[in-house]
Amino acid sequence: MATRKKQEKTVFTCRECGHESGRWFGRCPACGQWESLIEHRRPAAAAKLRRTSSPAAPLPLTAAPDQDSERVIIGINEMDRVLGGGIVPGSVVLIGGDPGIGKSTLLLQILSALAVQGHTVLYVSGEESAHQIKLRARRLSALHDNHLLATENSVEQISAMTREVRPSLLAVDSIQTLSCADYPSAPGSVTQVRESAAVLLELAKTENIPVILVGHVTKEGVLAGPRILEHMVDTVLYFEGERSHAFRILRTVKNRFGSTNEIGVFEMKEEGLVPVANPSELFLAERPLDVAGSVVLASLEGTRPILVEVQALVSPTNLGTARRTAAGADPQRLALLCAVLEKKAGMDFYGHDIFLNIAGGIRIDEPALDLGVIGALASSLLDKPVAADTVVCGEVGLAGEIRAVGNMEQRVREAERIGFSRFLMPRTNVERIRNRSTLEPIGVATIQEFLTVLFDGK
């Protein structure tokens, strides 16, 4: 017993920032998060087991290899888009999402697309048997001789297997099922997740083999395990959407080799996740016409303009306190815009429940959403529908002014392609548009002017 105590030491690790402490604190001394320190045991000689190879010699930055031209093109357009043009050799990608949203399905489709191109790929699963995976692969038409499969939980065995096979891509499902033999804690613990990720990260960098990891999320919607896991990997992708909904949004949260503003849109069908080439048409396919509370917004996700429907329902409340609920948008921003309408446009939302929804399950975080929310709220409160050929876009300030947003020309071209004929936008943006189109851009400077044009025309 004394020998075991001598070989192991108790450590408290923060699951948010990875800070380690010799004793427990109610609040992490590093990041200030409450109740985030988790107790675990690790060998006293763990630091000595970390590195056995000699350090690499430094070289001039100009002599470093340029891998941009060596990206592996997957062949799934939406996946290549969010990765910045393909997967970079030696990179580590982490895909997170709710259970059943389609992470394993997407992984099989990625591996199949590469196997068809002649690449040897390795899929390691710690959750399912080979029989279960083959059943799913057959349903997705993802069976191929170049697609290697292994069911393994030991990260040392996975590393040795990968060095022997040397695949073009290694996929691990999931990081929470792996364990490192040097640490006695159970798989999924803070130590095991961190150390297993470190082994795979070293494997990817030394062997120049790209690795895709699948990660589970907690009930709060964040990746399970230590937050340091997201800092270790090169790219973090999140699956958004409800399991009962047909659409899935793959959003880039972190990307060392590309933009963090890109999204990929997929539709879940029986044959798997199908990329959506024209998401605007899909999101507006079921839009009701001549109905109060519905406004079309020209949003921009990365380099892609997307038209979405902003829906608002304003109704008298039977409760003492009115509710403010937003799906797909920031609830705090909704409350702010309600206050602006009350102060600057004389609209009374007191005693009314307000429900806001971005149709299609997509989430919009950019300030350009403001004008769509203002229009939908006013339309529902006044019970006046917005003309079906109208699209809006713009940021609203606390003084009721409408501020310019970026990349307006791209938004105008997308609205024109879909068939809209009237575009309400900030007046400053109208002055900056160089390539005039057949679509009529109408500039507005205040929300009073915007509401007048929206409901009464010019």
Protein backbone atom coordinates (compact mmCIF):
# COMPACT_ATOMS: atom_id res chain seq x y z
CA MET A 1 0.00 0.00 0.00
CA ALA A 2 2.85 2.35 0.86
CA THR A 3 4.50 1.58 -2.49
CA ARG A 4 1.34 2.52 -4.37
CA LYS A 5 1.05 5.83 -2.53
CA LYS A 6 4.66 6.56 -3.34
CA GLN A 7 4.17 5.85 -7.05
CA GLU A 8 0.94 7.85 -7.40
CA LYS A 9 -0.01 11.39 -6.46
CA THR A 10 -3.40 13.06 -6.19
CA VAL A 11 -3.88 16.05 -8.50
CA PHE A 12 -6.86 18.36 -8.97
CA THR A 13 -7.30 19.52 -12.57
CA CYS A 14 -9.61 22.25 -13.85
CA ARG A 15 -11.80 20.88 -16.63
CA GLU A 16 -12.08 24.36 -18.16
CA CYS A 17 -8.47 25.56 -18.43
CA GLY A 18 -6.38 22.51 -17.40
CA HIS A 19 -4.81 24.17 -14.36
CA GLU A 20 -3.39 21.63 -11.89
CA SER A 21 -3.30 21.98 -8.12
CA GLY A 22 -2.16 19.83 -5.24
CA ARG A 23 -5.38 20.51 -3.32
CA TRP A 24 -9.02 21.22 -4.07
CA PHE A 25 -10.42 24.73 -4.46
CA GLY A 26 -14.04 25.73 -4.87
CA ARG A 27 -12.91 28.19 -7.54
CA CYS A 28 -10.10 27.62 -10.04
CA PRO A 29 -7.17 29.95 -9.23
CA ALA A 30 -6.32 30.29 -12.94
CA CYS A 31 -9.61 30.87 -14.81
CA GLY A 32 -11.97 31.66 -11.91
CA GLN A 33 -14.51 28.95 -12.81
CA TRP A 34 -16.49 27.60 -9.86
CA GLU A 35 -16.69 23.85 -9.08
CA SER A 36 -14.42 22.94 -12.00
CA LEU A 37 -11.57 21.10 -10.24
CA ILE A 38 -11.71 17.31 -10.62
CA GLU A 39 -9.65 14.90 -8.52
CA HIS A 40 -7.58 12.20 -10.22
CA ARG A 41 -4.42 10.19 -9.61
CA ARG A 42 -1.37 10.02 -11.79
CA PRO A 43 2.06 8.36 -11.51
CA ALA A 44 4.74 10.41 -9.82
CA ALA A 45 7.08 9.69 -12.73
CA ALA A 46 4.58 10.83 -15.38
CA ALA A 47 6.69 13.80 -16.36
CA LYS A 48 9.63 11.54 -17.10
CA LEU A 49 7.52 9.27 -19.29
CA ARG A 50 6.41 12.09 -21.52
CA ARG A 51 9.38 12.45 -23.85
CA THR A 52 12.07 9.96 -24.74
CA SER A 53 13.27 11.29 -28.11
CA SER A 54 15.88 14.01 -28.56
CA PRO A 55 14.64 17.57 -29.26
CA ALA A 56 14.40 18.68 -32.88
CA ALA A 57 17.06 21.06 -34.16
CA PRO A 58 15.81 24.60 -34.96
CA LEU A 59 15.73 25.72 -38.58
CA PRO A 60 15.14 29.04 -40.34
CA LEU A 61 11.48 29.95 -40.81
CA THR A 62 12.05 30.32 -44.56
CA ALA A 63 13.21 26.68 -44.68
CA ALA A 64 10.04 25.34 -43.01
CA PRO A 65 7.95 23.14 -45.34
CA ASP A 66 4.95 24.75 -47.03
CA GLN A 67 2.00 22.36 -46.85
CA ASP A 68 -0.79 24.54 -48.22
CA SER A 69 -0.40 23.00 -51.64
CA GLU A 70 -0.44 19.50 -50.13
CA ARG A 71 -3.89 19.66 -48.59
CA VAL A 72 -5.84 16.44 -48.93
CA ILE A 73 -9.06 17.26 -50.78
CA ILE A 74 -11.79 15.11 -49.26
CA GLY A 75 -14.27 15.53 -52.07
CA ILE A 76 -17.21 16.53 -49.83
CA ASN A 77 -17.56 20.21 -50.70
CA GLU A 78 -19.11 21.33 -47.42
CA MET A 79 -16.41 19.54 -45.39
CA ASP A 80 -13.59 20.95 -47.52
CA ARG A 81 -15.11 24.41 -47.09
CA VAL A 82 -15.10 24.40 -43.28
CA LEU A 83 -11.55 23.01 -43.22
CA GLY A 84 -10.32 25.84 -45.43
CA GLY A 85 -9.85 23.87 -48.65
CA GLY A 86 -9.08 20.36 -47.44
CA ILE A 87 -7.32 18.68 -44.54
CA VAL A 88 -3.69 19.62 -43.85
CA PRO A 89 -1.22 16.70 -43.39
CA GLY A 90 -0.13 16.40 -39.77
CA SER A 91 -3.13 18.33 -38.44
CA VAL A 92 -5.53 17.21 -35.72
CA VAL A 93 -9.25 17.93 -36.19
CA LEU A 94 -11.79 17.61 -33.38
CA ILE A 95 -15.48 17.16 -34.28
CA GLY A 96 -18.00 17.65 -31.47
CA GLY A 97 -21.78 17.42 -31.29
CA ASP A 98 -24.78 16.00 -29.48
CA PRO A 99 -25.32 12.23 -29.44
CA GLY A 100 -27.05 10.98 -32.58
CA ILE A 101 -26.53 14.16 -34.58
CA GLY A 102 -24.39 12.43 -37.22
CA LYS A 103 -20.72 12.60 -36.17
CA SER A 104 -19.96 8.94 -36.87
CA THR A 105 -21.96 9.07 -40.10
CA LEU A 106 -19.95 12.04 -41.34
CA LEU A 107 -16.71 10.32 -40.34
CA LEU A 108 -17.54 7.22 -42.39
CA GLN A 109 -18.46 9.37 -45.39
CA ILE A 110 -15.16 11.28 -45.16
CA LEU A 111 -13.15 8.07 -45.00
CA SER A 112 -15.12 6.55 -47.87
CA ALA A 113 -14.56 9.62 -50.07
CA LEU A 114 -10.80 9.36 -49.50
CA ALA A 115 -10.75 5.57 -49.98
CA VAL A 116 -12.44 5.95 -53.37
CA GLN A 117 -9.61 8.32 -54.39
CA GLY A 118 -7.08 5.57 -53.63
CA HIS A 119 -6.02 6.74 -50.15
CA THR A 120 -5.58 4.20 -47.36
CA VAL A 121 -7.58 5.32 -44.34
CA LEU A 122 -7.83 3.89 -40.83
CA TYR A 123 -10.95 4.07 -38.69
CA VAL A 124 -10.49 3.22 -34.99
CA SER A 125 -13.62 2.86 -32.88
CA GLY A 126 -13.74 2.41 -29.13
CA GLU A 127 -17.52 2.46 -28.90
CA GLU A 128 -18.89 0.04 -31.50
CA SER A 129 -18.03 -3.42 -32.75
CA ALA A 130 -16.77 -4.07 -36.26
CA HIS A 131 -20.12 -5.65 -37.15
CA GLN A 132 -22.06 -2.54 -36.12
CA ILE A 133 -19.76 -0.26 -38.09
CA LYS A 134 -20.02 -2.43 -41.19
CA LEU A 135 -23.81 -2.30 -41.03
CA ARG A 136 -23.73 1.50 -41.02
CA ALA A 137 -21.07 1.60 -43.74
CA ARG A 138 -23.19 -0.67 -45.96
CA ARG A 139 -26.20 1.61 -45.51
CA LEU A 140 -24.06 4.61 -46.48
CA SER A 141 -22.44 2.75 -49.42
CA ALA A 142 -19.09 3.38 -47.71
CA LEU A 143 -17.51 -0.08 -48.04
CA HIS A 144 -14.06 -0.10 -49.66
CA ASP A 145 -10.91 -2.22 -49.49
CA ASN A 146 -8.77 0.84 -48.71
CA HIS A 147 -10.92 1.54 -45.67
CA LEU A 148 -9.23 -0.19 -42.71
CA LEU A 149 -11.10 -0.76 -39.45
CA ALA A 150 -9.95 -1.48 -35.90
CA THR A 151 -11.75 -1.60 -32.55
CA GLU A 152 -9.24 -0.49 -29.94
CA ASN A 153 -9.17 1.61 -26.75
CA SER A 154 -5.45 1.67 -25.99
CA VAL A 155 -3.83 4.82 -27.35
CA GLU A 156 -0.42 3.08 -27.38
CA GLN A 157 -1.80 0.30 -29.59
CA ILE A 158 -3.45 2.84 -31.88
CA SER A 159 -0.19 4.73 -32.21
CA ALA A 160 1.79 1.58 -33.03
CA MET A 161 -0.86 0.43 -35.50
CA THR A 162 -0.84 3.79 -37.28
CA ARG A 163 2.95 3.91 -37.56
CA GLU A 164 2.88 0.46 -39.15
CA VAL A 165 0.01 1.06 -41.59
CA ARG A 166 0.82 4.73 -42.31
CA PRO A 167 -2.67 5.70 -43.53
CA SER A 168 -3.50 8.94 -45.32
CA LEU A 169 -5.97 9.70 -42.52
CA LEU A 170 -6.57 8.35 -39.01
CA ALA A 171 -10.06 8.73 -37.51
CA VAL A 172 -10.75 7.96 -33.83
CA ASP A 173 -14.29 7.62 -32.48
CA SER A 174 -14.19 8.82 -29.78
CA ILE A 175 -11.45 10.49 -27.74
CA GLN A 176 -13.45 9.86 -24.53
CA THR A 177 -13.09 6.06 -24.93
CA LEU A 178 -9.27 5.99 -25.12
CA SER A 179 -6.94 5.20 -22.26
CA CYS A 180 -3.22 5.61 -21.66
CA ALA A 181 -1.47 2.75 -19.85
CA ASP A 182 0.72 5.12 -17.82
CA TYR A 183 -2.31 6.49 -15.98
CA PRO A 184 -4.63 4.37 -13.79
CA SER A 185 -7.77 6.51 -14.11
CA ALA A 186 -10.80 5.37 -16.12
CA PRO A 187 -11.33 6.26 -19.80
CA GLY A 188 -13.11 9.60 -20.22
CA SER A 189 -11.49 11.19 -17.18
CA VAL A 190 -9.69 14.50 -17.47
CA THR A 191 -6.26 12.85 -17.34
CA GLN A 192 -7.03 10.14 -19.88
CA VAL A 193 -8.59 12.53 -22.39
CA ARG A 194 -5.70 14.95 -22.14
CA GLU A 195 -2.91 12.38 -22.25
CA SER A 196 -4.52 10.33 -25.04
CA ALA A 197 -4.92 13.49 -27.12
CA ALA A 198 -1.28 14.36 -26.45
CA VAL A 199 -0.11 10.97 -27.77
CA LEU A 200 -2.20 11.32 -30.93
CA LEU A 201 -1.04 14.91 -31.40
CA GLU A 202 2.59 13.82 -31.23
CA LEU A 203 1.81 11.00 -33.68
CA ALA A 204 0.25 13.42 -36.17
CA LYS A 205 3.15 15.88 -36.02
CA THR A 206 6.01 13.38 -36.15
CA GLU A 207 4.52 11.09 -38.82
CA ASN A 208 2.75 13.88 -40.79
CA ILE A 209 -0.53 11.92 -40.66
CA PRO A 210 -3.78 13.91 -40.28
CA VAL A 211 -6.00 12.78 -37.41
CA ILE A 212 -9.73 13.35 -36.91
CA LEU A 213 -11.07 12.92 -33.38
CA VAL A 214 -14.73 12.66 -32.40
CA GLY A 215 -15.66 14.24 -29.07
CA HIS A 216 -18.84 14.03 -27.02
CA VAL A 217 -20.46 17.14 -25.60
CA THR A 218 -21.94 17.79 -22.17
CA LYS A 219 -25.52 18.84 -21.46
CA GLU A 220 -24.31 22.45 -21.59
CA GLY A 221 -23.26 21.90 -25.22
CA VAL A 222 -19.47 22.05 -24.70
CA LEU A 223 -16.96 19.31 -25.42
CA ALA A 224 -16.64 16.82 -22.57
CA GLY A 225 -13.25 16.61 -20.87
CA PRO A 226 -10.71 19.33 -20.16
CA ARG A 227 -10.97 22.59 -22.09
CA ILE A 228 -7.27 22.23 -22.86
CA LEU A 229 -8.28 19.57 -25.40
CA GLU A 230 -9.59 22.31 -27.70
CA HIS A 231 -6.34 24.24 -27.29
CA MET A 232 -4.22 21.22 -28.23
CA VAL A 233 -5.85 20.39 -31.57
CA ASP A 234 -5.53 22.43 -34.77
CA THR A 235 -9.20 22.60 -35.78
CA VAL A 236 -12.44 22.36 -33.80
CA LEU A 237 -15.74 21.73 -35.60
CA TYR A 238 -19.17 21.67 -33.95
CA PHE A 239 -22.27 19.97 -35.29
CA GLU A 240 -25.38 22.07 -34.71
CA GLY A 241 -29.03 21.14 -35.17
CA GLU A 242 -31.69 18.96 -33.64
CA ARG A 243 -31.79 15.20 -34.21
CA SER A 244 -35.43 15.52 -35.27
CA HIS A 245 -34.54 18.24 -37.79
CA ALA A 246 -33.37 17.45 -41.32
CA PHE A 247 -30.62 20.07 -41.48
CA ARG A 248 -27.21 19.91 -39.83
CA ILE A 249 -24.80 22.84 -39.55
CA LEU A 250 -21.07 22.09 -39.26
CA ARG A 251 -19.49 25.23 -37.80
CA THR A 252 -15.79 26.03 -37.50
CA VAL A 253 -14.90 27.22 -33.99
CA LYS A 254 -11.12 27.08 -34.34
CA ASN A 255 -8.92 26.62 -37.41
CA ARG A 256 -5.19 27.24 -37.57
CA PHE A 257 -5.20 26.73 -41.34
CA GLY A 258 -8.27 28.66 -42.45
CA SER A 259 -11.20 30.90 -41.55
CA THR A 260 -13.21 30.36 -38.38
CA ASN A 261 -16.35 31.87 -39.92
CA GLU A 262 -17.18 29.11 -42.40
CA ILE A 263 -20.10 26.71 -42.04
CA GLY A 264 -21.09 23.56 -43.88
CA VAL A 265 -24.76 22.74 -44.43
CA PHE A 266 -25.90 19.12 -44.63
CA GLU A 267 -29.26 17.43 -44.93
CA MET A 268 -29.73 14.14 -43.10
CA LYS A 269 -31.23 11.51 -45.39
CA GLU A 270 -31.41 7.74 -45.36
CA GLU A 271 -28.21 7.51 -47.41
CA GLY A 272 -26.37 9.74 -44.92
CA LEU A 273 -25.44 13.41 -44.73
CA VAL A 274 -25.97 15.07 -48.10
CA PRO A 275 -24.16 18.41 -48.71
CA VAL A 276 -26.48 21.32 -49.48
CA ALA A 277 -25.09 23.41 -52.33
CA ASN A 278 -27.78 26.14 -52.17
CA PRO A 279 -28.81 26.53 -48.52
CA SER A 280 -30.72 29.77 -49.18
CA GLU A 281 -33.27 28.01 -51.38
CA LEU A 282 -33.60 25.21 -48.84
CA PHE A 283 -34.11 27.52 -45.84
CA LEU A 284 -36.75 29.56 -47.70
CA ALA A 285 -38.54 26.64 -49.37
CA GLU A 286 -41.35 26.53 -46.79
CA ARG A 287 -41.55 30.26 -46.07
CA PRO A 288 -45.17 31.42 -45.66
CA LEU A 289 -46.18 34.41 -47.82
CA ASP A 290 -48.24 37.39 -46.65
CA VAL A 291 -47.98 36.36 -43.01
CA ALA A 292 -47.19 38.86 -40.26
CA GLY A 293 -43.99 38.31 -38.30
CA SER A 294 -41.88 36.86 -41.16
CA VAL A 295 -38.90 38.69 -42.69
CA VAL A 296 -36.12 37.46 -44.98
CA LEU A 297 -32.59 38.32 -43.85
CA ALA A 298 -29.42 38.33 -45.96
CA SER A 299 -26.82 36.78 -43.65
CA LEU A 300 -23.18 35.95 -44.28
CA GLU A 301 -21.44 32.87 -42.87
CA GLY A 302 -17.74 33.11 -43.66
CA THR A 303 -17.54 33.73 -47.38
CA ARG A 304 -21.02 32.34 -48.10
CA PRO A 305 -24.14 34.54 -48.24
CA ILE A 306 -27.25 32.77 -46.94
CA LEU A 307 -30.83 34.01 -46.95
CA VAL A 308 -32.81 32.91 -43.89
CA GLU A 309 -36.27 33.58 -42.54
CA VAL A 310 -36.57 35.50 -39.27
CA GLN A 311 -39.85 34.74 -37.50
CA ALA A 312 -41.34 36.65 -34.57
CA LEU A 313 -44.51 36.10 -32.57
CA VAL A 314 -45.70 38.90 -30.28
CA SER A 315 -48.81 38.05 -28.25
CA PRO A 316 -50.41 39.31 -25.02
CA THR A 317 -49.22 37.45 -21.96
CA ASN A 318 -51.38 35.85 -19.29
CA LEU A 319 -48.50 35.80 -16.81
CA GLY A 320 -47.20 38.49 -14.53
CA THR A 321 -43.86 38.68 -16.33
CA ALA A 322 -43.65 38.69 -20.12
CA ARG A 323 -41.35 36.12 -21.72
CA ARG A 324 -38.53 36.82 -24.18
CA THR A 325 -37.47 33.64 -25.99
CA ALA A 326 -35.04 33.38 -28.91
CA ALA A 327 -34.08 30.29 -30.92
CA GLY A 328 -31.09 30.71 -33.22
CA ALA A 329 -30.29 34.21 -31.95
CA ASP A 330 -28.95 35.90 -28.81
CA PRO A 331 -31.77 36.46 -26.26
CA GLN A 332 -29.91 39.47 -24.83
CA ARG A 333 -29.82 41.05 -28.26
CA LEU A 334 -33.56 40.46 -28.60
CA ALA A 335 -34.24 42.29 -25.33
CA LEU A 336 -32.01 45.18 -26.46
CA LEU A 337 -33.81 45.56 -29.81
CA CYS A 338 -37.19 45.48 -28.06
CA ALA A 339 -36.05 48.38 -25.89
CA VAL A 340 -34.89 50.32 -28.97
CA LEU A 341 -38.28 49.84 -30.65
CA GLU A 342 -40.11 50.98 -27.53
CA LYS A 343 -37.95 54.08 -27.06
CA LYS A 344 -37.38 55.18 -30.66
CA ALA A 345 -40.46 53.89 -32.51
CA GLY A 346 -43.08 54.18 -29.77
CA MET A 347 -44.03 50.51 -29.86
CA ASP A 348 -45.36 48.99 -26.65
CA PHE A 349 -44.12 45.47 -25.90
CA TYR A 350 -45.07 45.65 -22.22
CA GLY A 351 -47.42 42.83 -21.39
CA HIS A 352 -46.52 40.87 -24.52
CA ASP A 353 -44.70 37.56 -24.81
CA ILE A 354 -42.09 37.63 -27.57
CA PHE A 355 -40.83 34.53 -29.37
CA LEU A 356 -38.10 34.80 -32.00
CA ASN A 357 -36.97 32.00 -34.29
CA ILE A 358 -34.47 31.60 -37.12
CA ALA A 359 -36.16 29.04 -39.37
CA GLY A 360 -34.16 26.00 -40.45
CA GLY A 361 -32.25 25.41 -37.22
CA ILE A 362 -29.39 27.76 -38.12
CA ARG A 363 -27.88 30.19 -35.61
CA ILE A 364 -27.06 33.77 -36.64
CA ASP A 365 -24.57 35.70 -34.51
CA GLU A 366 -23.61 38.62 -36.76
CA PRO A 367 -24.93 42.18 -36.10
CA ALA A 368 -26.61 42.22 -39.55
CA LEU A 369 -29.42 40.19 -37.95
CA ASP A 370 -30.70 43.30 -36.11
CA LEU A 371 -32.74 44.73 -38.97
CA GLY A 372 -34.42 41.37 -39.57
CA VAL A 373 -35.40 41.13 -35.89
CA ILE A 374 -36.71 44.71 -35.88
CA GLY A 375 -38.81 44.06 -38.98
CA ALA A 376 -40.21 40.75 -37.71
CA LEU A 377 -41.11 42.20 -34.28
CA ALA A 378 -42.85 45.24 -35.76
CA SER A 379 -44.68 43.10 -38.32
CA SER A 380 -46.03 40.75 -35.67
CA LEU A 381 -47.00 43.50 -33.21
CA LEU A 382 -48.78 45.59 -35.87
CA ASP A 383 -50.11 42.45 -37.62
CA LYS A 384 -48.83 43.77 -40.95
CA PRO A 385 -47.13 41.30 -43.34
CA VAL A 386 -43.93 42.25 -45.14
CA ALA A 387 -43.90 42.12 -48.94
CA ALA A 388 -42.70 38.72 -50.15
CA ASP A 389 -40.12 40.25 -52.54
CA THR A 390 -38.32 42.15 -49.74
CA VAL A 391 -35.06 41.22 -48.04
CA VAL A 392 -33.37 43.21 -45.24
CA CYS A 393 -29.94 43.46 -43.64
CA GLY A 394 -28.29 45.89 -41.22
CA GLU A 395 -27.09 46.60 -37.69
CA VAL A 396 -29.16 48.70 -35.30
CA GLY A 397 -27.62 51.01 -32.70
CA LEU A 398 -29.04 52.10 -29.36
CA ALA A 399 -29.93 55.51 -30.77
CA GLY A 400 -32.10 53.90 -33.42
CA GLU A 401 -29.56 54.45 -36.19
CA ILE A 402 -28.91 51.77 -38.80
CA ARG A 403 -25.23 51.00 -39.26
CA ALA A 404 -23.40 49.55 -42.24
CA VAL A 405 -22.36 45.88 -42.45
CA GLY A 406 -19.65 44.20 -44.51
CA ASN A 407 -19.74 42.29 -47.81
CA MET A 408 -23.04 43.81 -48.91
CA GLU A 409 -22.41 43.16 -52.60
CA GLN A 410 -22.28 39.41 -51.98
CA ARG A 411 -25.56 39.57 -50.08
CA VAL A 412 -27.18 41.57 -52.90
CA ARG A 413 -26.07 39.07 -55.54
CA GLU A 414 -27.48 36.16 -53.53
CA ALA A 415 -30.82 37.93 -53.02
CA GLU A 416 -30.99 38.71 -56.73
CA ARG A 417 -30.22 35.10 -57.63
CA ILE A 418 -33.07 33.84 -55.46
CA GLY A 419 -35.50 36.29 -57.08
CA PHE A 420 -35.98 39.16 -54.63
CA SER A 421 -36.55 42.62 -56.09
CA ARG A 422 -36.24 44.94 -53.05
CA PHE A 423 -33.35 45.12 -50.58
CA LEU A 424 -33.57 47.35 -47.48
CA MET A 425 -30.09 48.11 -46.18
CA PRO A 426 -28.12 50.83 -44.35
CA ARG A 427 -27.83 54.01 -46.41
CA THR A 428 -24.06 53.93 -46.14
CA ASN A 429 -23.99 50.53 -47.82
CA VAL A 430 -26.05 51.77 -50.77
CA GLU A 431 -23.46 54.45 -51.44
CA ARG A 432 -20.64 51.89 -51.39
CA ILE A 433 -22.19 49.35 -53.77
CA ARG A 434 -20.28 49.53 -57.05
CA ASN A 435 -21.85 46.83 -59.19
CA ARG A 436 -25.49 47.84 -59.49
CA SER A 437 -27.87 44.97 -60.15
CA THR A 438 -31.48 44.60 -61.27
CA LEU A 439 -32.42 44.37 -57.60
CA GLU A 440 -33.47 47.70 -56.08
CA PRO A 441 -31.29 48.68 -53.09
CA ILE A 442 -33.11 51.01 -50.69
CA GLY A 443 -31.02 52.83 -48.09
CA VAL A 444 -32.42 53.69 -44.65
CA ALA A 445 -30.72 55.59 -41.84
CA THR A 446 -33.05 55.14 -38.84
CA ILE A 447 -35.51 52.51 -37.67
CA GLN A 448 -38.38 54.99 -38.14
CA GLU A 449 -37.44 55.38 -41.79
CA PHE A 450 -36.96 51.63 -42.10
CA LEU A 451 -40.43 50.82 -40.73
CA THR A 452 -42.04 53.41 -43.00
CA VAL A 453 -40.40 51.95 -46.12
CA LEU A 454 -40.97 48.35 -44.97
CA PHE A 455 -44.75 48.67 -44.61
CA ASP A 456 -45.73 51.69 -46.73
CA GLY A 457 -43.16 51.59 -49.54
CA LYS A 458 -41.07 54.59 -50.57
